[in-house]
Every structure is written in C-alpha cells, then in structure tokens.
C-alpha cells in the first residue's frame, strides 16, 4: 500500500527577538507575570519588510534540503496561514513563485491553528489518490501585525514564524507500517467568536469606521478557549490512539500546537504523560498559530528527540473552532 511519509522538516524564525519586557510594556505587565501566565520568555517578530511568504520560503527550503530534494521535485504546495501575503492570490502561489516551480498546484488553507494538520490531511489524500507523489506542506504566520499592545489576552502571547514538511508517497510493506497512519479533523463553527479578527472580510469590509473601532486586531476570549483547548486536545488524542490500537505508554513523543505553556502542562497532566514526552518550544517562540506545530516538530527532529519507528502524536486546536490530531510512525 502507499503510505505518506515525512521525509524532510524545516522551520524559520525571524531574527528580531521580543522579550517579555517589551511585549508587556504597554500593559505594564512584568516579565515574570507573563512567563507565569503563558510559559513564554520571548518570541520572534518579523521585520517590516517580511511577509508570511518570506517566512514560508525559508522553512520550505530547509525542509527540501532535509529531504535532499529540489523545488521542482514537488507535485503540490499547501500553505496554512491566517496572516496571508495578501488577500489574494494565495500565499501558496507566492511561495511557488519564490521556489521557482511553475505549474505546480498551490493553494492556501484557512483553519487557524489547526491549519497545518488540515493541510497534512489534504496532502495525504492527494498522495493516496494518485494526484501527487511529493507534497510540500507549510504553515507561515505573521501574527505581530494584528496584535493590540493594550489587549491583555493577546499582546504578549503571539509570535511570528514558519514551519514546513515534505511528504512523499512510498510503498510500505514493513511491519509495523511506517509513515502517516492517519489524521482526524473536526470543527465547531458555533464557537467562532472565541478567537477572531472581525473586520477585513466581506461581512465587515475595511473602512474608516473599522479602523477607528480597532476591529482589525486579533481578539480572543482566553478563559473559555483555554478550557476547550485542553479538553478537545486530550479527547482527540485518546480517540486517535484507540482507533489505531495504540496505548498511551507506546507513544514516544507528543507534538501539539504551542498555544500556551499552561495548556501544554494541563494536557500532560490529563494524559498522564511526563512533560519531556510533550515536546515544547513555546518558551522561546511563543504562539505562532498554525506554524507552531511544524516548528516544534522540526526542532524535535533536529534535536534528536524523534527516532525511526517512534510513534508520534500530533495535535492542534484553534479558531473556527477547529481541532485535529494525527498519528505517525516515524
């Protein structure tokens, strides 16, 4: 059978480091309080000349180098972003242009922080159906452009960055089978108000009134979102393991959306797994929305925390609401 296998990972973080002191200055919140609330010590913000496609191309090139492939070896490009290069054309098309692989299908995915796993699921479907052999799945976010420095729920939580993987379809006769075992997706549009940017779409087009009303900033209801995130991530992880007959003790590594340090700690407690099995980079990079999972995955791979045949659980949760989980035998 054809199995989708991750053959390369990559990530990119902008050079500019934003300390807790700088992030919390407008709210007069000290560094220690920010770290206690979020688990974040610093985050990266893009330079004024950088768009999300610029971050994506660096992560994509790193993933292609790891896979020992050229951009022309890619059959499809999928990009998750909630901070696109522009309204249209897609950020994926800008990424395709920068990689110089004309003719390759390219499109964006808008599933907020779950977008990377939504993209991985689509890439897997394309590979299994024979539409593509090799897919580039990237997530790139420049969240700093939509942060209100006076908003306690968001001002010091988010960072910028990009992550990418190269997925290739290969015949797999090994036992147990290696590669992507499955991805499961979910959404609940009734809770769309928990995290959103209200203006800029067709419902509330950009206008003087929306700018004066500060409606182009990211808004989040932190408390309800926190509780739902922990619950959804735990349940989806358990459901996925049960579906594939895997015990919690058999999972070598959990790599999930880096939303908040307290969410990661609560998830580890609810799953009864040690903190070292739940890989985290949030202290250094903050919440980079859909890019956080592939960034964490790339850092775990490059740090030697994931080995061949390891079972790895992936998980995400974000605006929409959306959530997803995946299981890979590396």
Protein backbone atom coordinates (compact mmCIF):
# COMPACT_ATOMS: atom_id res chain seq x y z
CA UNK A 1 0.00 0.00 0.00
CA UNK A 2 1.00 3.64 -0.46
CA UNK A 3 1.92 5.34 2.80
CA UNK A 4 2.62 9.08 3.15
CA UNK A 5 5.97 9.57 4.83
CA UNK A 6 7.58 12.73 6.20
CA UNK A 7 10.97 12.85 4.52
CA UNK A 8 12.03 16.36 5.50
CA UNK A 9 11.21 19.06 8.04
CA UNK A 10 12.17 22.72 8.22
CA UNK A 11 11.41 25.91 10.10
CA UNK A 12 12.25 29.56 10.13
CA UNK A 13 12.04 32.18 12.89
CA UNK A 14 12.62 35.90 12.24
CA UNK A 15 15.76 37.44 13.71
CA UNK A 16 14.04 40.05 15.88
CA UNK A 17 13.65 38.77 19.46
CA UNK A 18 10.86 40.32 21.55
CA UNK A 19 11.36 39.94 25.28
CA UNK A 20 8.54 39.75 27.80
CA UNK A 21 9.54 43.19 28.99
CA UNK A 22 8.97 44.66 25.53
CA UNK A 23 5.79 42.69 24.86
CA UNK A 24 4.21 43.69 28.18
CA UNK A 25 5.34 47.32 28.26
CA UNK A 26 2.06 48.89 27.08
CA UNK A 27 0.12 46.97 29.72
CA UNK A 28 2.73 47.47 32.45
CA UNK A 29 2.93 43.69 32.99
CA UNK A 30 6.28 42.43 34.27
CA UNK A 31 8.27 39.61 32.65
CA UNK A 32 7.76 37.13 35.48
CA UNK A 33 3.98 37.51 35.37
CA UNK A 34 3.93 36.96 31.61
CA UNK A 35 6.02 33.82 31.98
CA UNK A 36 3.78 32.52 34.75
CA UNK A 37 0.64 33.10 32.66
CA UNK A 38 1.96 31.84 29.33
CA UNK A 39 5.18 29.86 29.75
CA UNK A 40 6.80 32.26 27.26
CA UNK A 41 10.12 34.01 27.80
CA UNK A 42 10.48 35.52 24.33
CA UNK A 43 9.04 35.40 20.83
CA UNK A 44 10.17 36.43 17.35
CA UNK A 45 8.55 39.17 15.27
CA UNK A 46 9.02 39.64 11.54
CA UNK A 47 10.86 42.59 10.10
CA UNK A 48 8.65 45.24 8.48
CA UNK A 49 9.82 44.06 5.06
CA UNK A 50 8.89 40.41 5.67
CA UNK A 51 5.57 38.90 4.62
CA UNK A 52 4.34 35.44 5.56
CA UNK A 53 5.50 34.11 2.18
CA UNK A 54 9.06 35.23 3.00
CA UNK A 55 8.97 33.17 6.18
CA UNK A 56 7.38 30.24 4.36
CA UNK A 57 10.04 30.08 1.65
CA UNK A 58 12.85 29.82 4.21
CA UNK A 59 11.10 26.99 6.08
CA UNK A 60 10.28 25.26 2.79
CA UNK A 61 13.87 25.42 1.57
CA UNK A 62 15.08 23.93 4.87
CA UNK A 63 12.57 21.07 4.57
CA UNK A 64 13.57 20.42 0.95
CA UNK A 65 17.26 20.34 1.93
CA UNK A 66 16.48 17.85 4.68
CA UNK A 67 14.63 15.70 2.13
CA UNK A 68 17.51 16.09 -0.38
CA UNK A 69 15.06 17.37 -2.98
CA UNK A 70 14.78 20.34 -5.31
CA UNK A 71 11.68 22.54 -5.52
CA UNK A 72 10.98 21.06 -8.95
CA UNK A 73 10.54 17.64 -7.30
CA UNK A 74 7.39 18.86 -5.54
CA UNK A 75 3.99 17.98 -7.03
CA UNK A 76 1.80 20.21 -4.85
CA UNK A 77 2.18 23.09 -2.37
CA UNK A 78 -0.24 23.59 0.52
CA UNK A 79 0.10 26.56 2.88
CA UNK A 80 -1.73 27.18 6.13
CA UNK A 81 -1.96 30.81 7.19
CA UNK A 82 -4.26 33.28 8.90
CA UNK A 83 -1.91 36.14 8.01
CA UNK A 84 -1.58 35.78 4.24
CA UNK A 85 0.83 37.63 1.98
CA UNK A 86 -2.26 39.44 0.63
CA UNK A 87 -5.99 38.76 0.34
CA UNK A 88 -5.40 37.05 -3.00
CA UNK A 89 -3.69 35.46 -4.80
CA UNK A 90 -2.84 32.82 -2.24
CA UNK A 91 0.30 32.78 -0.15
CA UNK A 92 0.93 29.32 -1.62
CA UNK A 93 1.14 30.86 -5.10
CA UNK A 94 3.65 33.42 -3.81
CA UNK A 95 5.62 30.56 -2.25
CA UNK A 96 5.51 28.65 -5.53
CA UNK A 97 6.82 31.74 -7.35
CA UNK A 98 9.69 32.15 -4.88
CA UNK A 99 10.62 28.47 -5.14
CA UNK A 100 10.55 28.73 -8.96
CA UNK A 101 8.47 25.62 -9.56
CA UNK A 102 5.92 26.97 -12.04
CA UNK A 103 2.92 24.81 -12.89
CA UNK A 104 2.77 23.04 -9.53
CA UNK A 105 -0.71 23.34 -7.96
CA UNK A 106 -0.65 25.61 -4.92
CA UNK A 107 -3.37 26.71 -2.53
CA UNK A 108 -3.98 28.07 0.96
CA UNK A 109 -5.79 26.54 3.92
CA UNK A 110 -7.66 28.72 6.42
CA UNK A 111 -8.22 26.58 9.51
CA UNK A 112 -6.47 28.82 12.03
CA UNK A 113 -4.09 27.00 14.39
CA UNK A 114 -5.27 23.61 13.08
CA UNK A 115 -4.40 24.53 9.50
CA UNK A 116 -1.15 22.58 9.33
CA UNK A 117 -2.86 19.28 10.18
CA UNK A 118 -5.71 20.12 7.80
CA UNK A 119 -3.03 20.61 5.13
CA UNK A 120 -1.28 17.37 6.03
CA UNK A 121 -4.59 15.53 5.70
CA UNK A 122 -5.15 17.03 2.24
CA UNK A 123 -1.62 16.15 1.14
CA UNK A 124 -2.13 12.58 2.34
CA UNK A 125 -5.38 12.35 0.35
CA UNK A 126 -3.68 13.67 -2.78
CA UNK A 127 -0.88 11.13 -2.41
CA UNK A 128 -3.19 8.18 -1.73
CA UNK A 129 -5.44 9.10 -4.68
CA UNK A 130 -2.51 9.32 -7.06
CA UNK A 131 -2.79 13.08 -7.72
CA UNK A 132 0.67 13.70 -6.28
CA UNK A 133 3.70 11.77 -5.11
CA UNK A 134 5.51 14.52 -3.20
CA UNK A 135 3.80 17.39 -1.36
CA UNK A 136 5.18 20.42 0.43
CA UNK A 137 3.03 21.39 3.42
CA UNK A 138 3.91 24.70 5.06
CA UNK A 139 2.45 27.00 7.69
CA UNK A 140 3.51 30.62 7.97
CA UNK A 141 2.24 33.32 10.30
CA UNK A 142 2.98 36.98 10.94
CA UNK A 143 0.66 37.46 13.91
CA UNK A 144 2.50 40.52 15.23
CA UNK A 145 0.80 42.71 12.60
CA UNK A 146 -2.65 42.12 14.13
CA UNK A 147 -1.79 42.40 17.85
CA UNK A 148 -3.27 45.13 20.02
CA UNK A 149 -0.50 46.03 22.52
CA UNK A 150 -3.19 47.04 25.02
CA UNK A 151 -5.11 43.74 24.87
CA UNK A 152 -4.28 41.55 27.89
CA UNK A 153 -5.48 38.34 26.18
CA UNK A 154 -3.22 38.59 23.12
CA UNK A 155 -0.49 41.24 23.46
CA UNK A 156 2.31 39.02 24.72
CA UNK A 157 1.13 35.60 23.54
CA UNK A 158 1.85 35.52 19.82
CA UNK A 159 4.98 35.36 17.70
CA UNK A 160 5.86 35.00 14.03
CA UNK A 161 7.40 32.05 12.24
CA UNK A 162 7.04 29.29 9.67
CA UNK A 163 7.37 25.54 9.53
CA UNK A 164 7.25 23.05 6.68
CA UNK A 165 7.42 19.36 5.88
CA UNK A 166 7.92 17.36 2.72
CA UNK A 167 5.61 14.34 2.44
CA UNK A 168 6.19 11.59 -0.11
CA UNK A 169 4.11 8.58 -1.02
CA UNK A 170 6.05 5.31 -0.80
CA UNK A 171 5.12 1.66 -0.97
CA UNK A 172 5.37 0.28 2.53
CA UNK A 173 5.48 -3.40 3.32
CA UNK A 174 7.22 -3.09 6.67
CA UNK A 175 5.66 -4.40 9.84
CA UNK A 176 4.63 -2.37 11.68
CA UNK A 177 3.93 0.12 8.91
CA UNK A 178 5.85 3.41 8.98
CA UNK A 179 4.58 6.80 7.89
CA UNK A 180 1.37 8.73 8.46
CA UNK A 181 -1.15 6.35 9.97
CA UNK A 182 -3.98 8.88 9.94
CA UNK A 183 -5.19 12.44 10.54
CA UNK A 184 -8.58 13.26 12.03
CA UNK A 185 -10.19 16.70 11.66
CA UNK A 186 -13.06 18.49 13.42
CA UNK A 187 -14.69 21.91 13.69
CA UNK A 188 -17.43 23.77 15.56
CA UNK A 189 -18.46 27.00 13.83
CA UNK A 190 -20.90 27.83 16.64
CA UNK A 191 -17.88 28.88 18.73
CA UNK A 192 -16.40 31.16 16.08
CA UNK A 193 -16.47 34.17 18.41
CA UNK A 194 -13.84 32.81 20.82
CA UNK A 195 -10.93 33.91 18.62
CA UNK A 196 -11.29 36.11 15.57
CA UNK A 197 -10.36 39.20 13.56
CA UNK A 198 -13.71 40.81 12.93
CA UNK A 199 -13.01 43.28 10.12
CA UNK A 200 -11.43 42.94 6.71
CA UNK A 201 -13.78 40.38 5.14
CA UNK A 202 -17.00 40.75 3.17
CA UNK A 203 -19.13 40.95 6.31
CA UNK A 204 -17.21 43.91 7.75
CA UNK A 205 -15.13 45.39 4.90
CA UNK A 206 -12.23 47.62 5.81
CA UNK A 207 -13.34 51.18 6.37
CA UNK A 208 -12.52 54.24 8.43
CA UNK A 209 -15.04 53.04 10.99
CA UNK A 210 -13.45 49.58 11.36
CA UNK A 211 -10.01 51.13 11.80
CA UNK A 212 -11.28 53.59 14.37
CA UNK A 213 -13.05 50.75 16.15
CA UNK A 214 -9.79 48.73 16.22
CA UNK A 215 -11.66 45.86 14.56
CA UNK A 216 -8.61 44.64 12.62
CA UNK A 217 -6.88 43.38 15.74
CA UNK A 218 -6.90 39.77 16.88
CA UNK A 219 -9.40 39.21 19.70
CA UNK A 220 -9.60 36.17 21.94
CA UNK A 221 -11.67 35.02 24.90
CA UNK A 222 -8.84 33.36 26.74
CA UNK A 223 -10.64 31.57 29.58
CA UNK A 224 -13.24 29.60 27.57
CA UNK A 225 -10.69 28.89 24.84
CA UNK A 226 -8.19 27.54 27.38
CA UNK A 227 -10.70 25.07 28.82
CA UNK A 228 -11.91 23.89 25.43
CA UNK A 229 -8.38 23.51 24.08
CA UNK A 230 -7.26 21.17 26.86
CA UNK A 231 -10.43 19.09 26.63
CA UNK A 232 -10.50 18.82 22.83
CA UNK A 233 -6.80 18.04 22.52
CA UNK A 234 -6.99 15.32 25.15
CA UNK A 235 -10.14 13.68 23.75
CA UNK A 236 -8.94 13.75 20.15
CA UNK A 237 -5.58 12.27 21.11
CA UNK A 238 -7.25 9.47 23.06
CA UNK A 239 -9.73 8.79 20.24
CA UNK A 240 -6.95 8.60 17.66
CA UNK A 241 -4.88 6.20 19.77
CA UNK A 242 -7.92 3.99 20.39
CA UNK A 243 -8.76 3.94 16.68
CA UNK A 244 -5.31 2.63 15.81
CA UNK A 245 -4.96 0.31 18.78
CA UNK A 246 -2.10 2.25 20.37
CA UNK A 247 -1.60 2.62 24.12
CA UNK A 248 -0.51 5.93 25.63
CA UNK A 249 2.62 4.29 27.00
CA UNK A 250 3.67 3.33 23.45
CA UNK A 251 3.80 6.94 22.22
CA UNK A 252 7.35 8.26 22.19
CA UNK A 253 6.51 11.91 21.62
CA UNK A 254 3.51 14.25 21.63
CA UNK A 255 3.95 17.34 19.42
CA UNK A 256 0.99 19.70 19.62
CA UNK A 257 0.05 23.31 18.92
CA UNK A 258 2.16 25.57 21.11
CA UNK A 259 -0.74 27.70 22.32
CA UNK A 260 0.17 28.43 25.93
CA UNK A 261 2.55 26.86 28.41
CA UNK A 262 -0.26 26.24 30.88
CA UNK A 263 -2.30 24.42 28.22
CA UNK A 264 0.66 22.15 27.50
CA UNK A 265 1.14 21.47 31.21
CA UNK A 266 -2.55 20.72 31.70
CA UNK A 267 -2.59 18.42 28.68
CA UNK A 268 0.38 16.47 30.02
CA UNK A 269 -1.43 16.09 33.35
CA UNK A 270 -4.72 15.00 31.75
CA UNK A 271 -2.95 12.44 29.57
CA UNK A 272 -0.75 11.35 32.48
CA UNK A 273 2.42 11.68 30.42
CA UNK A 274 5.71 13.17 31.56
CA UNK A 275 6.48 16.69 30.41
CA UNK A 276 9.55 15.52 28.49
CA UNK A 277 7.32 13.43 26.18
CA UNK A 278 5.24 16.51 25.32
CA UNK A 279 7.70 18.49 23.22
CA UNK A 280 7.65 22.24 23.72
CA UNK A 281 9.35 25.27 22.19
CA UNK A 282 6.85 27.85 23.43
CA UNK A 283 9.29 29.37 25.92
CA UNK A 284 11.48 30.60 23.06
CA UNK A 285 8.98 31.27 20.25
CA UNK A 286 5.55 31.92 21.77
CA UNK A 287 2.32 31.01 20.00
CA UNK A 288 2.93 31.09 16.24
CA UNK A 289 -0.59 29.89 15.40
CA UNK A 290 -0.66 27.21 12.68
CA UNK A 291 3.13 27.40 12.28
CA UNK A 292 3.75 26.32 15.87
CA UNK A 293 3.23 22.59 15.32
CA UNK A 294 5.60 22.20 12.33
CA UNK A 295 8.14 24.48 14.04
CA UNK A 296 8.06 22.28 17.14
CA UNK A 297 8.21 19.13 15.01
CA UNK A 298 11.25 20.37 13.11
CA UNK A 299 13.07 21.32 16.30
CA UNK A 300 12.25 17.94 17.87
CA UNK A 301 13.61 16.11 14.80
CA UNK A 302 16.78 18.20 14.63
CA UNK A 303 17.36 17.84 18.38
CA UNK A 304 17.27 14.06 18.03
CA UNK A 305 14.08 13.71 20.08
CA UNK A 306 12.31 11.64 17.41
CA UNK A 307 13.81 8.40 16.12
CA UNK A 308 12.93 5.89 13.38
CA UNK A 309 9.89 3.75 14.32
CA UNK A 310 8.84 6.16 17.09
CA UNK A 311 5.10 6.69 17.41
CA UNK A 312 4.38 10.43 17.38
CA UNK A 313 1.02 12.04 18.17
CA UNK A 314 0.29 15.42 16.60
CA UNK A 315 -2.47 17.71 17.87
CA UNK A 316 -3.86 21.18 17.23
CA UNK A 317 -6.68 23.47 18.29
CA UNK A 318 -7.66 26.91 17.06
CA UNK A 319 -10.13 29.42 15.72
CA UNK A 320 -13.20 28.23 13.93
CA UNK A 321 -13.28 26.44 16.24
CA UNK A 322 -11.13 23.76 14.65
CA UNK A 323 -9.12 20.90 16.08
CA UNK A 324 -7.24 17.92 14.71
CA UNK A 325 -4.94 15.05 15.58
CA UNK A 326 -2.52 12.84 13.71
CA UNK A 327 -0.52 9.70 14.31
CA UNK A 328 2.81 8.94 12.66
CA UNK A 329 5.17 6.02 12.93
CA UNK A 330 8.43 7.82 12.14
